[in-house]
């Protein structure tokens, strides 16, 4: 089953809606971004989230001591890094850390190969726009990954059919504006993924399928 990460959450209402719709993981951005959230606000949201939902902190070029402080205090399950963090930096956080790679050209896959990471996020170098998914297919030789970059309800089925990734990561593609999710887009995005995972759900109740 395709793993679903909803990123850029800034409020409890959106977090609970994502969980209700079937998200596997929620992403909280602690670095410079229109969707940046404070540690205190994230903590209040996370306290209301069921334990089975993964909590992922998103960081970029931060001091490791501060990242560790946030991770411990909020009991984050995973740490996603978008900056210039190298292998030694990530090693400090053990198996909790993984890297996001921005992809625009085939040569960008070299950084994935060199990194030696067997789990990673493929993001687009152009914010809000998908990259050539043929490059994502090529990246499968390096390990499992979350596919991100410009995904939305309109193109998610095409992405799944072509790439068949381990999971997907969406942020702006299901928003009303930065930091606020669009309930209709969010529901439709996840519905289409689960319909891809379970084609038989076209003729039976999806909730019944997911409960099996």
Protein backbone atom coordinates (compact mmCIF):
# COMPACT_ATOMS: atom_id res chain seq x y z
CA UNK A 1 0.00 0.00 0.00
CA UNK A 2 1.33 3.43 -0.95
CA UNK A 3 2.50 5.42 2.07
CA UNK A 4 1.09 8.94 2.25
CA UNK A 5 2.84 11.89 3.91
CA UNK A 6 1.00 15.20 4.24
CA UNK A 7 3.54 17.95 4.82
CA UNK A 8 3.52 21.59 5.88
CA UNK A 9 0.90 21.21 8.60
CA UNK A 10 0.38 24.24 10.82
CA UNK A 11 -2.89 23.59 12.65
CA UNK A 12 -4.74 20.79 14.42
CA UNK A 13 -7.79 20.91 12.15
CA UNK A 14 -5.73 20.02 9.07
CA UNK A 15 -3.76 17.37 10.94
CA UNK A 16 -6.90 15.60 12.12
CA UNK A 17 -8.47 15.80 8.66
CA UNK A 18 -5.36 14.24 7.10
CA UNK A 19 -5.53 11.39 9.60
CA UNK A 20 -9.26 10.93 9.03
CA UNK A 21 -8.63 10.68 5.28
CA UNK A 22 -5.97 8.02 5.76
CA UNK A 23 -2.58 9.74 5.89
CA UNK A 24 0.27 7.59 7.24
CA UNK A 25 2.57 10.46 8.21
CA UNK A 26 2.39 14.17 8.98
CA UNK A 27 5.21 16.60 8.26
CA UNK A 28 6.05 19.68 10.33
CA UNK A 29 8.46 22.25 8.90
CA UNK A 30 10.86 23.79 11.42
CA UNK A 31 13.03 25.71 8.93
CA UNK A 32 12.46 28.92 6.97
CA UNK A 33 9.21 28.50 5.05
CA UNK A 34 5.74 30.06 4.72
CA UNK A 35 4.63 26.87 6.48
CA UNK A 36 7.12 27.07 9.31
CA UNK A 37 5.75 26.03 12.69
CA UNK A 38 7.14 26.70 16.14
CA UNK A 39 8.18 23.88 18.40
CA UNK A 40 5.52 24.89 20.92
CA UNK A 41 2.68 24.92 18.40
CA UNK A 42 3.77 21.62 16.86
CA UNK A 43 3.86 20.05 20.32
CA UNK A 44 0.22 20.97 20.96
CA UNK A 45 -0.80 19.39 17.65
CA UNK A 46 1.28 16.25 18.13
CA UNK A 47 -0.24 15.66 21.57
CA UNK A 48 -3.58 15.13 19.80
CA UNK A 49 -2.24 12.77 17.12
CA UNK A 50 -2.66 8.98 17.45
CA UNK A 51 0.55 7.03 18.02
CA UNK A 52 0.11 5.02 14.81
CA UNK A 53 0.54 8.18 12.71
CA UNK A 54 4.18 9.02 12.00
CA UNK A 55 5.38 12.48 12.99
CA UNK A 56 8.15 13.83 10.76
CA UNK A 57 10.20 16.96 11.35
CA UNK A 58 11.50 18.84 8.32
CA UNK A 59 14.78 20.75 8.70
CA UNK A 60 17.32 22.53 6.53
CA UNK A 61 20.89 23.39 7.52
CA UNK A 62 20.12 23.56 11.24
CA UNK A 63 22.49 23.05 14.16
CA UNK A 64 22.30 19.36 15.13
CA UNK A 65 21.87 20.20 18.80
CA UNK A 66 18.67 22.12 18.07
CA UNK A 67 17.35 19.39 15.77
CA UNK A 68 17.99 16.84 18.50
CA UNK A 69 16.21 19.01 21.05
CA UNK A 70 13.11 19.29 18.84
CA UNK A 71 13.16 15.60 17.97
CA UNK A 72 13.32 14.50 21.61
CA UNK A 73 10.82 16.99 23.01
CA UNK A 74 8.23 16.27 20.31
CA UNK A 75 9.02 12.56 20.10
CA UNK A 76 9.40 12.76 16.32
CA UNK A 77 9.52 9.46 14.46
CA UNK A 78 11.67 10.66 11.55
CA UNK A 79 13.75 13.66 10.53
CA UNK A 80 13.77 14.90 6.93
CA UNK A 81 16.64 17.12 5.79
CA UNK A 82 16.52 19.46 2.80
CA UNK A 83 19.82 21.33 3.03
CA UNK A 84 23.51 20.60 2.62
CA UNK A 85 23.57 17.96 5.35
CA UNK A 86 26.10 15.24 4.54
CA UNK A 87 26.27 11.58 5.53
CA UNK A 88 28.16 12.29 8.76
CA UNK A 89 25.55 14.86 9.78
CA UNK A 90 22.70 12.41 9.27
CA UNK A 91 24.56 9.64 11.13
CA UNK A 92 24.14 11.63 14.34
CA UNK A 93 20.44 10.83 14.29
CA UNK A 94 20.70 7.13 13.54
CA UNK A 95 17.93 5.50 11.57
CA UNK A 96 15.57 8.42 12.14
CA UNK A 97 17.15 10.64 9.49
CA UNK A 98 16.69 10.70 5.73
CA UNK A 99 17.57 13.14 2.97
CA UNK A 100 15.49 15.03 0.43
CA UNK A 101 17.04 15.47 -3.01
CA UNK A 102 15.90 18.17 -5.42
CA UNK A 103 15.73 16.78 -8.95
CA UNK A 104 15.69 18.67 -12.25
CA UNK A 105 18.07 16.79 -14.55
CA UNK A 106 19.39 13.23 -14.74
CA UNK A 107 22.74 14.43 -13.42
CA UNK A 108 21.00 15.32 -10.15
CA UNK A 109 20.62 11.60 -9.50
CA UNK A 110 24.38 11.45 -8.94
CA UNK A 111 23.91 13.02 -5.51
CA UNK A 112 21.48 10.22 -4.62
CA UNK A 113 23.92 7.55 -5.75
CA UNK A 114 26.89 9.10 -3.95
CA UNK A 115 24.96 9.58 -0.71
CA UNK A 116 24.58 5.85 -0.14
CA UNK A 117 21.16 6.38 1.43
CA UNK A 118 18.69 3.56 0.87
CA UNK A 119 15.63 5.62 1.78
CA UNK A 120 15.10 9.20 0.62
CA UNK A 121 12.69 11.79 -0.73
CA UNK A 122 12.74 12.89 -4.36
CA UNK A 123 11.57 16.48 -4.62
CA UNK A 124 11.37 18.88 -7.53
CA UNK A 125 13.98 21.59 -7.96
CA UNK A 126 11.13 23.86 -9.05
CA UNK A 127 8.71 24.49 -6.20
CA UNK A 128 5.20 23.25 -6.85
CA UNK A 129 6.08 21.71 -10.21
CA UNK A 130 6.65 18.00 -10.90
CA UNK A 131 9.96 16.83 -12.33
CA UNK A 132 10.34 14.24 -15.08
CA UNK A 133 9.13 11.03 -13.47
CA UNK A 134 11.39 8.96 -15.73
CA UNK A 135 14.16 10.14 -13.43
CA UNK A 136 12.26 8.79 -10.44
CA UNK A 137 12.09 5.39 -12.12
CA UNK A 138 15.86 5.52 -12.59
CA UNK A 139 16.29 6.33 -8.88
CA UNK A 140 14.69 3.04 -7.84
CA UNK A 141 18.06 1.35 -8.20
CA UNK A 142 19.30 3.35 -5.20
CA UNK A 143 16.54 2.42 -2.74
CA UNK A 144 13.00 3.14 -1.61
CA UNK A 145 11.73 6.68 -1.76
CA UNK A 146 8.89 9.09 -1.22
CA UNK A 147 7.90 10.85 -4.43
CA UNK A 148 7.27 14.57 -4.00
CA UNK A 149 7.33 17.71 -6.07
CA UNK A 150 4.18 19.19 -7.56
CA UNK A 151 1.83 16.32 -6.78
CA UNK A 152 -1.89 17.11 -6.63
CA UNK A 153 -5.25 15.33 -7.08
CA UNK A 154 -5.09 15.76 -10.85
CA UNK A 155 -1.70 14.14 -11.45
CA UNK A 156 -1.34 11.65 -8.60
CA UNK A 157 -2.83 8.72 -10.53
CA UNK A 158 -0.41 9.28 -13.39
CA UNK A 159 2.50 9.43 -10.95
CA UNK A 160 1.47 6.19 -9.28
CA UNK A 161 0.99 4.36 -12.56
CA UNK A 162 4.34 5.46 -13.93
CA UNK A 163 6.60 5.42 -10.88
CA UNK A 164 4.90 3.12 -8.35
CA UNK A 165 6.87 4.68 -5.48
CA UNK A 166 7.07 3.40 -1.93
CA UNK A 167 5.23 6.53 -0.84
CA UNK A 168 4.24 10.06 -1.80
CA UNK A 169 4.74 13.45 -0.16
CA UNK A 170 2.36 16.35 -0.81
CA UNK A 171 2.26 19.90 0.49
CA UNK A 172 1.16 22.78 -1.75
CA UNK A 173 -0.85 20.50 -4.05
CA UNK A 174 -3.59 20.15 -1.43
CA UNK A 175 -3.59 23.70 -0.04
CA UNK A 176 -5.92 26.69 -0.13
CA UNK A 177 -2.87 28.84 0.62
CA UNK A 178 0.52 28.21 2.30
CA UNK A 179 -0.11 26.61 5.67
CA UNK A 180 -3.81 25.87 5.17
CA UNK A 181 -5.04 22.66 3.55
CA UNK A 182 -7.98 22.48 1.17
CA UNK A 183 -10.31 19.78 2.59
CA UNK A 184 -11.70 18.86 -0.82
CA UNK A 185 -8.28 18.53 -2.45
CA UNK A 186 -6.87 16.62 0.49
CA UNK A 187 -9.72 14.12 0.51
CA UNK A 188 -9.57 13.64 -3.25
CA UNK A 189 -5.78 13.23 -3.25
CA UNK A 190 -5.90 10.42 -0.70
CA UNK A 191 -9.02 8.85 -2.22
CA UNK A 192 -7.31 8.52 -5.58
CA UNK A 193 -4.25 6.92 -4.02
CA UNK A 194 -6.29 4.35 -2.14
CA UNK A 195 -8.34 3.68 -5.25
CA UNK A 196 -5.07 2.93 -7.03
CA UNK A 197 -3.97 0.69 -4.17
CA UNK A 198 -7.31 -1.10 -4.08
CA UNK A 199 -8.94 -1.15 -7.55
CA UNK A 200 -11.75 -3.28 -6.17
CA UNK A 201 -12.79 -0.29 -4.06
CA UNK A 202 -14.64 0.95 -7.15
CA UNK A 203 -17.32 -1.62 -6.42
CA UNK A 204 -17.14 -1.95 -2.62
CA UNK A 205 -16.94 0.38 0.33
CA UNK A 206 -13.37 1.69 0.69
CA UNK A 207 -13.57 1.67 4.49
CA UNK A 208 -14.40 -2.05 4.38
CA UNK A 209 -11.36 -2.71 2.22
CA UNK A 210 -9.01 -0.76 4.48
CA UNK A 211 -10.26 -2.56 7.58
CA UNK A 212 -9.33 -5.99 6.22
